[in-house]
N, C-alpha and C. Protein backbone atom coordinates (compact mmCIF):
# COMPACT_ATOMS: atom_id res chain seq x y z
N MET A 1 0.84 -1.18 0.00
CA MET A 1 0.00 0.00 0.00
C MET A 1 0.89 1.23 0.00
N THR A 2 0.62 2.16 -0.88
CA THR A 2 1.39 3.39 -0.92
C THR A 2 0.60 4.51 -0.28
N ILE A 3 1.30 5.35 0.44
CA ILE A 3 0.67 6.50 1.09
C ILE A 3 0.47 7.58 0.05
N PRO A 4 -0.70 8.24 0.05
CA PRO A 4 -0.90 9.33 -0.92
C PRO A 4 0.18 10.39 -0.78
N LEU A 5 0.52 11.03 -1.89
CA LEU A 5 1.63 11.98 -1.91
C LEU A 5 1.42 13.14 -0.96
N SER A 6 0.24 13.74 -0.94
CA SER A 6 0.05 14.91 -0.09
C SER A 6 0.25 14.55 1.37
N PHE A 7 -0.18 13.34 1.80
CA PHE A 7 0.01 12.94 3.18
C PHE A 7 1.49 12.69 3.47
N SER A 8 2.22 12.08 2.51
CA SER A 8 3.65 11.83 2.71
C SER A 8 4.43 13.14 2.74
N VAL A 9 3.99 14.12 1.97
CA VAL A 9 4.66 15.41 2.00
C VAL A 9 4.42 16.09 3.34
N LEU A 10 3.21 15.96 3.88
CA LEU A 10 2.93 16.53 5.20
C LEU A 10 3.77 15.86 6.27
N LEU A 11 3.91 14.51 6.18
CA LEU A 11 4.74 13.82 7.15
C LEU A 11 6.18 14.30 7.07
N SER A 12 6.69 14.43 5.85
CA SER A 12 8.07 14.86 5.71
C SER A 12 8.23 16.33 6.05
N ALA A 13 7.16 17.13 6.00
CA ALA A 13 7.25 18.54 6.36
C ALA A 13 7.49 18.72 7.84
N ALA A 14 7.10 17.73 8.63
CA ALA A 14 7.30 17.84 10.07
C ALA A 14 8.67 17.35 10.50
N GLU A 15 9.39 16.65 9.64
CA GLU A 15 10.68 16.10 10.00
C GLU A 15 11.77 17.15 9.96
N GLY A 16 12.83 16.91 10.69
CA GLY A 16 14.09 17.66 10.66
C GLY A 16 14.04 19.12 10.28
N SER A 17 15.02 19.85 10.73
CA SER A 17 15.09 21.28 10.44
C SER A 17 16.32 21.62 9.62
N ASP A 18 16.96 20.61 9.00
CA ASP A 18 18.18 20.86 8.24
C ASP A 18 17.84 21.06 6.77
N ALA A 19 16.99 22.03 6.48
CA ALA A 19 16.57 22.28 5.11
C ALA A 19 17.71 22.88 4.30
N GLY A 20 17.74 22.51 3.03
CA GLY A 20 18.78 23.02 2.16
C GLY A 20 18.57 24.46 1.75
N TYR A 21 17.32 24.88 1.60
CA TYR A 21 17.02 26.23 1.13
C TYR A 21 15.97 26.84 2.04
N GLU A 22 16.09 28.14 2.27
CA GLU A 22 15.16 28.84 3.15
C GLU A 22 14.35 29.86 2.37
N VAL A 23 13.04 29.88 2.65
CA VAL A 23 12.14 30.87 2.10
C VAL A 23 11.57 31.62 3.29
N HIS A 24 11.76 32.95 3.31
CA HIS A 24 11.29 33.78 4.42
C HIS A 24 9.93 34.37 4.09
N LEU A 25 9.03 34.26 5.05
CA LEU A 25 7.68 34.78 4.89
C LEU A 25 7.48 35.94 5.85
N ASN A 26 6.75 36.96 5.43
CA ASN A 26 6.42 38.13 6.25
C ASN A 26 7.66 38.87 6.74
N ARG A 27 8.77 38.78 6.05
CA ARG A 27 9.99 39.45 6.50
C ARG A 27 10.05 40.89 6.01
N SER A 28 9.76 41.12 4.75
CA SER A 28 9.86 42.47 4.19
C SER A 28 8.50 43.16 4.08
N GLY A 29 7.45 42.53 4.51
CA GLY A 29 6.12 43.12 4.47
C GLY A 29 5.07 42.06 4.75
N ILE A 30 3.82 42.47 4.85
CA ILE A 30 2.74 41.54 5.11
C ILE A 30 2.56 40.63 3.90
N ASN A 31 2.51 39.33 4.15
CA ASN A 31 2.36 38.29 3.13
C ASN A 31 3.52 38.24 2.14
N SER A 32 4.68 38.84 2.46
CA SER A 32 5.81 38.82 1.54
C SER A 32 6.46 37.44 1.51
N ILE A 33 7.05 37.13 0.37
CA ILE A 33 7.75 35.86 0.16
C ILE A 33 9.14 36.20 -0.35
N ASP A 34 10.17 35.90 0.44
CA ASP A 34 11.55 36.16 0.04
C ASP A 34 12.23 34.82 -0.25
N THR A 35 12.51 34.58 -1.52
CA THR A 35 13.12 33.32 -1.94
C THR A 35 14.63 33.37 -1.79
N PRO A 36 15.30 32.20 -1.80
CA PRO A 36 16.76 32.21 -1.66
C PRO A 36 17.43 32.88 -2.85
N ARG A 37 18.56 33.51 -2.59
CA ARG A 37 19.31 34.19 -3.65
C ARG A 37 20.11 33.21 -4.50
N GLU A 38 20.56 32.12 -3.87
CA GLU A 38 21.34 31.16 -4.63
C GLU A 38 20.42 30.30 -5.49
N LYS A 39 21.03 29.64 -6.44
CA LYS A 39 20.29 28.78 -7.36
C LYS A 39 19.85 27.53 -6.61
N VAL A 40 18.59 27.14 -6.76
CA VAL A 40 18.06 25.96 -6.09
C VAL A 40 18.37 24.76 -6.97
N VAL A 41 19.14 23.81 -6.40
CA VAL A 41 19.64 22.66 -7.15
C VAL A 41 19.26 21.38 -6.42
N ALA A 42 18.87 20.37 -7.16
CA ALA A 42 18.57 19.05 -6.60
C ALA A 42 19.14 17.98 -7.51
N GLU A 43 19.48 16.84 -6.91
CA GLU A 43 20.01 15.71 -7.66
C GLU A 43 18.91 14.67 -7.86
N PRO A 44 18.97 13.91 -8.94
CA PRO A 44 18.01 12.81 -9.10
C PRO A 44 18.16 11.81 -7.95
N GLY A 45 17.01 11.37 -7.42
CA GLY A 45 17.02 10.41 -6.33
C GLY A 45 17.16 11.03 -4.95
N SER A 46 17.26 12.34 -4.86
CA SER A 46 17.41 12.99 -3.56
C SER A 46 16.10 13.67 -3.17
N ASN A 47 16.10 14.33 -2.04
CA ASN A 47 14.95 15.10 -1.57
C ASN A 47 15.30 16.58 -1.58
N LEU A 48 14.42 17.36 -2.14
CA LEU A 48 14.57 18.81 -2.12
C LEU A 48 13.86 19.32 -0.87
N ARG A 49 14.61 19.92 0.04
CA ARG A 49 14.05 20.41 1.30
C ARG A 49 13.99 21.93 1.26
N ILE A 50 12.81 22.44 1.49
CA ILE A 50 12.60 23.89 1.53
C ILE A 50 12.06 24.23 2.91
N ARG A 51 12.77 25.07 3.60
CA ARG A 51 12.40 25.47 4.96
C ARG A 51 11.72 26.83 4.88
N PHE A 52 10.50 26.91 5.35
CA PHE A 52 9.73 28.14 5.36
C PHE A 52 9.84 28.75 6.76
N LEU A 53 10.37 29.97 6.84
CA LEU A 53 10.53 30.68 8.10
C LEU A 53 9.58 31.87 8.11
N ASN A 54 8.67 31.89 9.08
CA ASN A 54 7.68 32.95 9.17
C ASN A 54 8.15 33.96 10.21
N ARG A 55 8.21 35.23 9.84
CA ARG A 55 8.66 36.31 10.73
C ARG A 55 7.50 37.19 11.20
N GLY A 56 6.28 36.79 10.95
CA GLY A 56 5.13 37.61 11.32
C GLY A 56 3.99 36.75 11.82
N ALA A 57 2.78 37.20 11.56
CA ALA A 57 1.58 36.47 11.96
C ALA A 57 1.50 35.16 11.19
N PRO A 58 0.81 34.16 11.75
CA PRO A 58 0.64 32.89 11.01
C PRO A 58 0.07 33.14 9.62
N ILE A 59 0.49 32.30 8.68
CA ILE A 59 0.18 32.56 7.28
C ILE A 59 -0.14 31.25 6.55
N HIS A 60 -1.09 31.32 5.62
CA HIS A 60 -1.40 30.22 4.72
C HIS A 60 -0.60 30.44 3.44
N ILE A 61 0.07 29.39 2.97
CA ILE A 61 0.75 29.47 1.68
C ILE A 61 0.35 28.26 0.84
N THR A 62 0.45 28.43 -0.46
CA THR A 62 0.17 27.35 -1.40
C THR A 62 1.40 27.19 -2.28
N ILE A 63 1.88 25.96 -2.39
CA ILE A 63 3.03 25.66 -3.24
C ILE A 63 2.51 24.76 -4.36
N THR A 64 2.74 25.20 -5.60
CA THR A 64 2.25 24.48 -6.76
C THR A 64 3.36 24.33 -7.79
N SER A 65 3.36 23.19 -8.47
CA SER A 65 4.30 23.00 -9.57
C SER A 65 3.56 22.32 -10.71
N SER A 66 3.33 23.05 -11.76
CA SER A 66 2.57 22.49 -12.88
C SER A 66 3.46 21.83 -13.92
N ASN A 67 4.77 22.10 -13.90
CA ASN A 67 5.65 21.54 -14.93
C ASN A 67 6.71 20.61 -14.35
N ALA A 68 6.43 19.97 -13.21
CA ALA A 68 7.42 19.11 -12.57
C ALA A 68 7.12 17.63 -12.75
N GLY A 69 6.20 17.26 -13.64
CA GLY A 69 5.77 15.87 -13.79
C GLY A 69 6.87 14.88 -14.11
N MET A 70 7.87 15.26 -14.88
CA MET A 70 8.93 14.31 -15.22
C MET A 70 10.04 14.26 -14.17
N PHE A 71 9.98 15.13 -13.14
CA PHE A 71 11.03 15.17 -12.12
C PHE A 71 10.56 14.66 -10.76
N THR A 72 9.26 14.85 -10.43
CA THR A 72 8.74 14.50 -9.12
C THR A 72 7.24 14.26 -9.21
N ASP A 73 6.70 13.59 -8.20
CA ASP A 73 5.27 13.38 -8.11
C ASP A 73 4.57 14.55 -7.43
N PHE A 74 5.33 15.50 -6.91
CA PHE A 74 4.75 16.64 -6.22
C PHE A 74 3.99 17.52 -7.21
N PHE A 75 2.79 17.96 -6.79
CA PHE A 75 2.02 18.86 -7.64
C PHE A 75 1.52 20.08 -6.87
N HIS A 76 0.99 19.88 -5.65
CA HIS A 76 0.32 20.98 -4.95
C HIS A 76 0.33 20.70 -3.45
N GLU A 77 0.52 21.75 -2.66
CA GLU A 77 0.46 21.61 -1.21
C GLU A 77 0.03 22.92 -0.58
N ASN A 78 -0.86 22.84 0.41
CA ASN A 78 -1.27 23.99 1.20
C ASN A 78 -0.65 23.84 2.59
N LEU A 79 -0.03 24.89 3.08
CA LEU A 79 0.59 24.86 4.40
C LEU A 79 0.11 26.04 5.23
N TYR A 80 -0.07 25.81 6.51
CA TYR A 80 -0.35 26.87 7.48
C TYR A 80 0.88 26.96 8.36
N ILE A 81 1.59 28.07 8.28
CA ILE A 81 2.88 28.18 8.95
C ILE A 81 2.78 29.20 10.07
N VAL A 82 3.03 28.75 11.30
CA VAL A 82 3.03 29.63 12.45
C VAL A 82 4.44 30.21 12.64
N ASP A 83 5.43 29.35 12.80
CA ASP A 83 6.82 29.80 12.96
C ASP A 83 7.69 29.32 11.81
N GLU A 84 7.80 28.02 11.68
CA GLU A 84 8.59 27.46 10.59
C GLU A 84 8.08 26.08 10.25
N SER A 85 8.37 25.67 9.02
CA SER A 85 7.97 24.36 8.53
C SER A 85 8.93 23.95 7.42
N VAL A 86 9.11 22.64 7.28
CA VAL A 86 10.00 22.11 6.25
C VAL A 86 9.16 21.29 5.28
N LEU A 87 9.25 21.62 4.01
CA LEU A 87 8.58 20.86 2.95
C LEU A 87 9.64 20.06 2.21
N THR A 88 9.43 18.75 2.13
CA THR A 88 10.36 17.88 1.43
C THR A 88 9.70 17.38 0.15
N ILE A 89 10.37 17.61 -0.96
CA ILE A 89 9.87 17.18 -2.26
C ILE A 89 10.80 16.09 -2.79
N PRO A 90 10.31 14.85 -2.91
CA PRO A 90 11.17 13.77 -3.43
C PRO A 90 11.38 13.92 -4.93
N ILE A 91 12.62 13.79 -5.36
CA ILE A 91 12.98 13.86 -6.78
C ILE A 91 13.16 12.42 -7.28
N ARG A 92 12.62 12.12 -8.44
CA ARG A 92 12.73 10.77 -9.01
C ARG A 92 14.18 10.41 -9.31
N LYS A 93 14.48 9.12 -9.20
CA LYS A 93 15.83 8.63 -9.47
C LYS A 93 16.16 8.62 -10.95
N ASP A 94 15.16 8.38 -11.77
CA ASP A 94 15.40 8.21 -13.20
C ASP A 94 15.08 9.45 -14.03
N CYS A 95 15.06 10.61 -13.41
CA CYS A 95 14.70 11.82 -14.15
C CYS A 95 15.93 12.42 -14.86
N PRO A 96 15.72 13.04 -16.00
CA PRO A 96 16.83 13.67 -16.73
C PRO A 96 17.14 15.05 -16.12
N PRO A 97 18.30 15.61 -16.46
CA PRO A 97 18.58 16.98 -16.02
C PRO A 97 17.57 17.94 -16.65
N GLY A 98 17.25 18.99 -15.92
CA GLY A 98 16.31 19.97 -16.44
C GLY A 98 15.87 20.95 -15.37
N LEU A 99 14.78 21.65 -15.64
CA LEU A 99 14.27 22.70 -14.74
C LEU A 99 12.78 22.51 -14.53
N PHE A 100 12.32 22.90 -13.33
CA PHE A 100 10.90 23.05 -13.09
C PHE A 100 10.69 24.20 -12.12
N ASP A 101 9.46 24.72 -12.11
CA ASP A 101 9.14 25.90 -11.31
C ASP A 101 8.25 25.51 -10.15
N LEU A 102 8.52 26.13 -9.00
CA LEU A 102 7.62 26.07 -7.86
C LEU A 102 6.99 27.44 -7.73
N GLU A 103 5.68 27.49 -7.69
CA GLU A 103 4.96 28.75 -7.53
C GLU A 103 4.47 28.80 -6.09
N ILE A 104 4.86 29.84 -5.37
CA ILE A 104 4.48 30.00 -3.96
C ILE A 104 3.53 31.18 -3.88
N ILE A 105 2.35 30.95 -3.30
CA ILE A 105 1.32 31.97 -3.20
C ILE A 105 0.97 32.18 -1.74
N SER A 106 0.89 33.44 -1.31
CA SER A 106 0.47 33.75 0.06
C SER A 106 -0.60 34.82 0.02
N GLY A 107 -1.25 35.02 1.15
CA GLY A 107 -2.27 36.07 1.24
C GLY A 107 -3.45 35.78 0.34
N TYR A 108 -3.80 34.50 0.16
CA TYR A 108 -4.93 34.09 -0.66
C TYR A 108 -4.85 34.66 -2.07
N GLY A 109 -3.65 34.63 -2.65
CA GLY A 109 -3.46 35.05 -4.03
C GLY A 109 -2.91 36.45 -4.19
N VAL A 110 -2.71 37.17 -3.09
CA VAL A 110 -2.22 38.55 -3.18
C VAL A 110 -0.76 38.58 -3.60
N MET A 111 0.07 37.75 -2.99
CA MET A 111 1.50 37.70 -3.30
C MET A 111 1.83 36.36 -3.95
N LYS A 112 2.60 36.41 -5.04
CA LYS A 112 2.97 35.21 -5.76
C LYS A 112 4.43 35.34 -6.20
N THR A 113 5.18 34.26 -6.07
CA THR A 113 6.55 34.25 -6.54
C THR A 113 6.88 32.88 -7.14
N HIS A 114 7.89 32.86 -7.97
CA HIS A 114 8.33 31.62 -8.62
C HIS A 114 9.72 31.27 -8.11
N LEU A 115 9.93 29.99 -7.90
CA LEU A 115 11.22 29.47 -7.49
C LEU A 115 11.61 28.42 -8.52
N GLN A 116 12.70 28.66 -9.25
CA GLN A 116 13.12 27.73 -10.29
C GLN A 116 14.08 26.71 -9.68
N VAL A 117 13.79 25.43 -9.91
CA VAL A 117 14.59 24.33 -9.38
C VAL A 117 15.32 23.67 -10.53
N SER A 118 16.62 23.50 -10.40
CA SER A 118 17.44 22.85 -11.42
C SER A 118 17.76 21.43 -10.98
N ILE A 119 17.49 20.49 -11.84
CA ILE A 119 17.86 19.10 -11.59
C ILE A 119 19.14 18.85 -12.38
N VAL A 120 20.20 18.51 -11.66
CA VAL A 120 21.52 18.34 -12.29
C VAL A 120 22.06 16.96 -11.94
N PRO A 121 22.92 16.41 -12.79
CA PRO A 121 23.56 15.13 -12.48
C PRO A 121 24.36 15.24 -11.19
N PRO A 122 24.57 14.13 -10.48
CA PRO A 122 25.24 14.17 -9.17
C PRO A 122 26.63 14.81 -9.17
N GLN A 123 27.43 14.67 -10.23
CA GLN A 123 28.78 15.21 -10.20
C GLN A 123 28.80 16.73 -10.28
N THR A 124 27.76 17.37 -10.83
CA THR A 124 27.75 18.83 -10.93
C THR A 124 26.84 19.49 -9.91
N ALA A 125 26.28 18.71 -9.01
CA ALA A 125 25.32 19.27 -8.05
C ALA A 125 25.99 19.98 -6.89
N ARG A 126 27.26 19.76 -6.69
CA ARG A 126 27.94 20.40 -5.57
C ARG A 126 28.00 21.91 -5.80
N PRO A 127 27.56 22.71 -4.83
CA PRO A 127 27.58 24.16 -5.04
C PRO A 127 29.02 24.69 -5.09
N VAL A 128 29.26 25.57 -6.02
CA VAL A 128 30.56 26.19 -6.17
C VAL A 128 30.51 27.53 -5.44
N ILE A 129 31.39 27.69 -4.48
CA ILE A 129 31.43 28.93 -3.71
C ILE A 129 32.28 29.93 -4.49
N GLN A 130 31.64 31.01 -4.90
CA GLN A 130 32.34 32.02 -5.65
C GLN A 130 32.89 33.07 -4.69
N GLU A 131 34.04 33.61 -5.06
CA GLU A 131 34.64 34.65 -4.24
C GLU A 131 33.80 35.92 -4.34
N GLU A 132 33.45 36.45 -3.18
CA GLU A 132 32.66 37.68 -3.18
C GLU A 132 33.57 38.88 -3.37
N TYR A 133 33.08 39.82 -4.13
CA TYR A 133 33.85 41.04 -4.35
C TYR A 133 33.70 41.95 -3.13
N PRO A 134 34.77 42.63 -2.74
CA PRO A 134 34.66 43.51 -1.58
C PRO A 134 33.76 44.71 -1.89
N LEU A 135 33.14 45.25 -0.84
CA LEU A 135 32.27 46.40 -1.01
C LEU A 135 33.05 47.64 -1.40
N GLN A 136 34.26 47.77 -0.87
CA GLN A 136 35.12 48.89 -1.19
C GLN A 136 36.27 48.38 -2.06
N PRO A 137 36.71 49.17 -3.03
CA PRO A 137 37.83 48.71 -3.85
C PRO A 137 39.11 48.58 -3.02
N VAL A 138 39.90 47.61 -3.37
CA VAL A 138 41.15 47.37 -2.67
C VAL A 138 42.27 48.00 -3.48
N ALA A 139 43.12 48.79 -2.81
CA ALA A 139 44.22 49.47 -3.49
C ALA A 139 45.33 48.46 -3.80
N HIS A 140 45.85 48.53 -5.00
CA HIS A 140 46.95 47.66 -5.43
C HIS A 140 48.05 48.54 -5.99
N GLY A 141 49.22 48.49 -5.40
CA GLY A 141 50.37 49.19 -5.95
C GLY A 141 50.30 50.70 -5.80
N ARG A 142 50.87 51.40 -6.75
CA ARG A 142 50.97 52.85 -6.69
C ARG A 142 49.68 53.51 -7.19
N PRO A 143 49.49 54.79 -6.89
CA PRO A 143 48.26 55.46 -7.29
C PRO A 143 48.16 55.62 -8.82
N HIS A 144 46.96 55.70 -9.30
CA HIS A 144 46.68 55.84 -10.72
C HIS A 144 47.13 57.22 -11.20
N LEU A 145 47.62 57.30 -12.43
CA LEU A 145 48.14 58.54 -12.97
C LEU A 145 47.08 59.65 -12.99
N LEU A 146 45.82 59.30 -13.28
CA LEU A 146 44.77 60.30 -13.29
C LEU A 146 44.59 60.94 -11.92
N MET A 147 44.71 60.15 -10.85
CA MET A 147 44.58 60.69 -9.50
C MET A 147 45.74 61.65 -9.19
N ILE A 148 46.91 61.31 -9.65
CA ILE A 148 48.07 62.20 -9.44
C ILE A 148 47.86 63.51 -10.19
N MET A 149 47.39 63.42 -11.44
CA MET A 149 47.15 64.63 -12.23
C MET A 149 46.05 65.48 -11.59
N MET A 150 45.03 64.84 -11.06
CA MET A 150 43.96 65.59 -10.39
C MET A 150 44.48 66.31 -9.15
N GLY A 151 45.38 65.65 -8.41
CA GLY A 151 45.98 66.29 -7.23
C GLY A 151 46.81 67.50 -7.61
N ILE A 152 47.62 67.36 -8.66
CA ILE A 152 48.45 68.49 -9.12
C ILE A 152 47.55 69.63 -9.61
N ALA A 153 46.48 69.28 -10.35
CA ALA A 153 45.56 70.31 -10.84
C ALA A 153 44.86 71.02 -9.69
N LEU A 154 44.51 70.29 -8.64
CA LEU A 154 43.87 70.90 -7.48
C LEU A 154 44.82 71.88 -6.78
N ILE A 155 46.07 71.49 -6.65
CA ILE A 155 47.05 72.39 -6.02
C ILE A 155 47.24 73.65 -6.86
N LEU A 156 47.35 73.49 -8.19
CA LEU A 156 47.50 74.66 -9.05
C LEU A 156 46.26 75.55 -9.02
N TYR A 157 45.08 74.95 -8.97
CA TYR A 157 43.85 75.74 -8.92
C TYR A 157 43.75 76.52 -7.60
N CYS A 158 44.14 75.87 -6.50
CA CYS A 158 44.14 76.59 -5.21
C CYS A 158 45.16 77.73 -5.23
N ALA A 159 46.31 77.48 -5.87
CA ALA A 159 47.31 78.54 -5.99
C ALA A 159 46.75 79.69 -6.81
N TRP A 160 45.98 79.43 -7.87
CA TRP A 160 45.36 80.50 -8.66
C TRP A 160 44.35 81.27 -7.81
N LEU A 161 43.55 80.57 -7.01
CA LEU A 161 42.57 81.27 -6.16
C LEU A 161 43.27 82.15 -5.13
N TYR A 162 44.39 81.69 -4.60
CA TYR A 162 45.09 82.43 -3.56
C TYR A 162 45.90 83.59 -4.14
N ASN A 163 46.64 83.34 -5.24
CA ASN A 163 47.55 84.35 -5.79
C ASN A 163 46.96 85.16 -6.94
N ASP A 164 45.88 84.71 -7.56
CA ASP A 164 45.24 85.37 -8.69
C ASP A 164 46.21 85.51 -9.88
N ILE A 165 47.03 84.46 -10.08
CA ILE A 165 47.91 84.40 -11.25
C ILE A 165 47.24 83.47 -12.26
N GLU A 166 46.93 84.02 -13.45
CA GLU A 166 46.14 83.31 -14.46
C GLU A 166 46.83 82.04 -14.97
N PHE A 167 48.15 81.99 -14.94
CA PHE A 167 48.90 80.84 -15.42
C PHE A 167 48.51 79.56 -14.65
N PHE A 168 48.31 79.66 -13.31
CA PHE A 168 47.95 78.50 -12.50
C PHE A 168 46.59 77.94 -12.92
N ASN A 169 45.64 78.79 -13.24
CA ASN A 169 44.32 78.34 -13.66
C ASN A 169 44.41 77.60 -15.00
N ILE A 170 45.12 78.15 -15.95
CA ILE A 170 45.26 77.52 -17.27
C ILE A 170 46.03 76.20 -17.15
N ALA A 171 47.09 76.19 -16.34
CA ALA A 171 47.88 74.96 -16.16
C ALA A 171 47.05 73.86 -15.50
N SER A 172 46.23 74.20 -14.51
CA SER A 172 45.40 73.16 -13.86
C SER A 172 44.39 72.58 -14.85
N PHE A 173 43.80 73.45 -15.69
CA PHE A 173 42.85 72.98 -16.69
C PHE A 173 43.52 72.05 -17.70
N ILE A 174 44.70 72.42 -18.17
CA ILE A 174 45.42 71.60 -19.15
C ILE A 174 45.83 70.26 -18.55
N ILE A 175 46.27 70.27 -17.29
CA ILE A 175 46.69 69.02 -16.63
C ILE A 175 45.49 68.08 -16.46
N LEU A 176 44.32 68.62 -16.13
CA LEU A 176 43.12 67.78 -16.02
C LEU A 176 42.75 67.15 -17.36
N ILE A 177 42.80 67.95 -18.42
CA ILE A 177 42.47 67.44 -19.75
C ILE A 177 43.47 66.37 -20.19
N VAL A 178 44.75 66.61 -19.97
CA VAL A 178 45.78 65.64 -20.36
C VAL A 178 45.60 64.34 -19.58
N GLY A 179 45.33 64.42 -18.28
CA GLY A 179 45.11 63.22 -17.46
C GLY A 179 43.90 62.43 -17.91
N ALA A 180 42.80 63.12 -18.23
CA ALA A 180 41.59 62.44 -18.68
C ALA A 180 41.82 61.78 -20.04
N LEU A 181 42.46 62.48 -20.96
CA LEU A 181 42.73 61.90 -22.28
C LEU A 181 43.69 60.72 -22.20
N TYR A 182 44.70 60.82 -21.35
CA TYR A 182 45.65 59.72 -21.18
C TYR A 182 44.92 58.48 -20.65
N THR A 183 44.06 58.68 -19.65
CA THR A 183 43.31 57.56 -19.08
C THR A 183 42.35 56.98 -20.11
N TRP A 184 41.69 57.83 -20.88
CA TRP A 184 40.73 57.37 -21.88
C TRP A 184 41.41 56.51 -22.95
N TYR A 185 42.52 56.96 -23.49
CA TYR A 185 43.17 56.24 -24.57
C TYR A 185 44.01 55.07 -24.10
N ARG A 186 44.28 54.98 -22.82
CA ARG A 186 45.07 53.89 -22.28
C ARG A 186 44.21 52.66 -21.99
N GLN A 187 42.90 52.80 -21.99
CA GLN A 187 42.01 51.67 -21.71
C GLN A 187 42.19 50.58 -22.75
N GLN A 188 41.98 49.36 -22.32
CA GLN A 188 42.17 48.23 -23.23
C GLN A 188 40.86 47.69 -23.72
């Protein structure tokens, strides 16, 4: 005897809290749905675990997948989430690589979002951690020639303001133009 899918999904939704992907509810507004930033990936024969974390009042959500027939038996689930819940979607062992969408609806149809799930072969399913770029640029080596020219032009311009000698004003303007043109034509 096989257990109906919706009942088995409910049973697996109560298990464990080690979900692979987190979806935040009510975090950025009422009935809001914040999906994970990383790509959602699953392997054939594994379970896709989605952990729903509610940051506000209890909420009803509906998870639907209309194009997942060749990857999983999952089609539709309604959940009432007070704090958190884990939804486990079993992926078929014999499914080919591909994509399917999970549509998450909250607020009785007011908010809707799509979560794209990629089914990849086991050897490529391991997430690749990419190096994050720093928020501020990191200085390497000596200062750029344009910055040096801008500094010299600023000093000459201040000297023109202080001494009222026209040569300093013209020289600062020419140095700025030469620095900008040098930088422009030096680009690769």
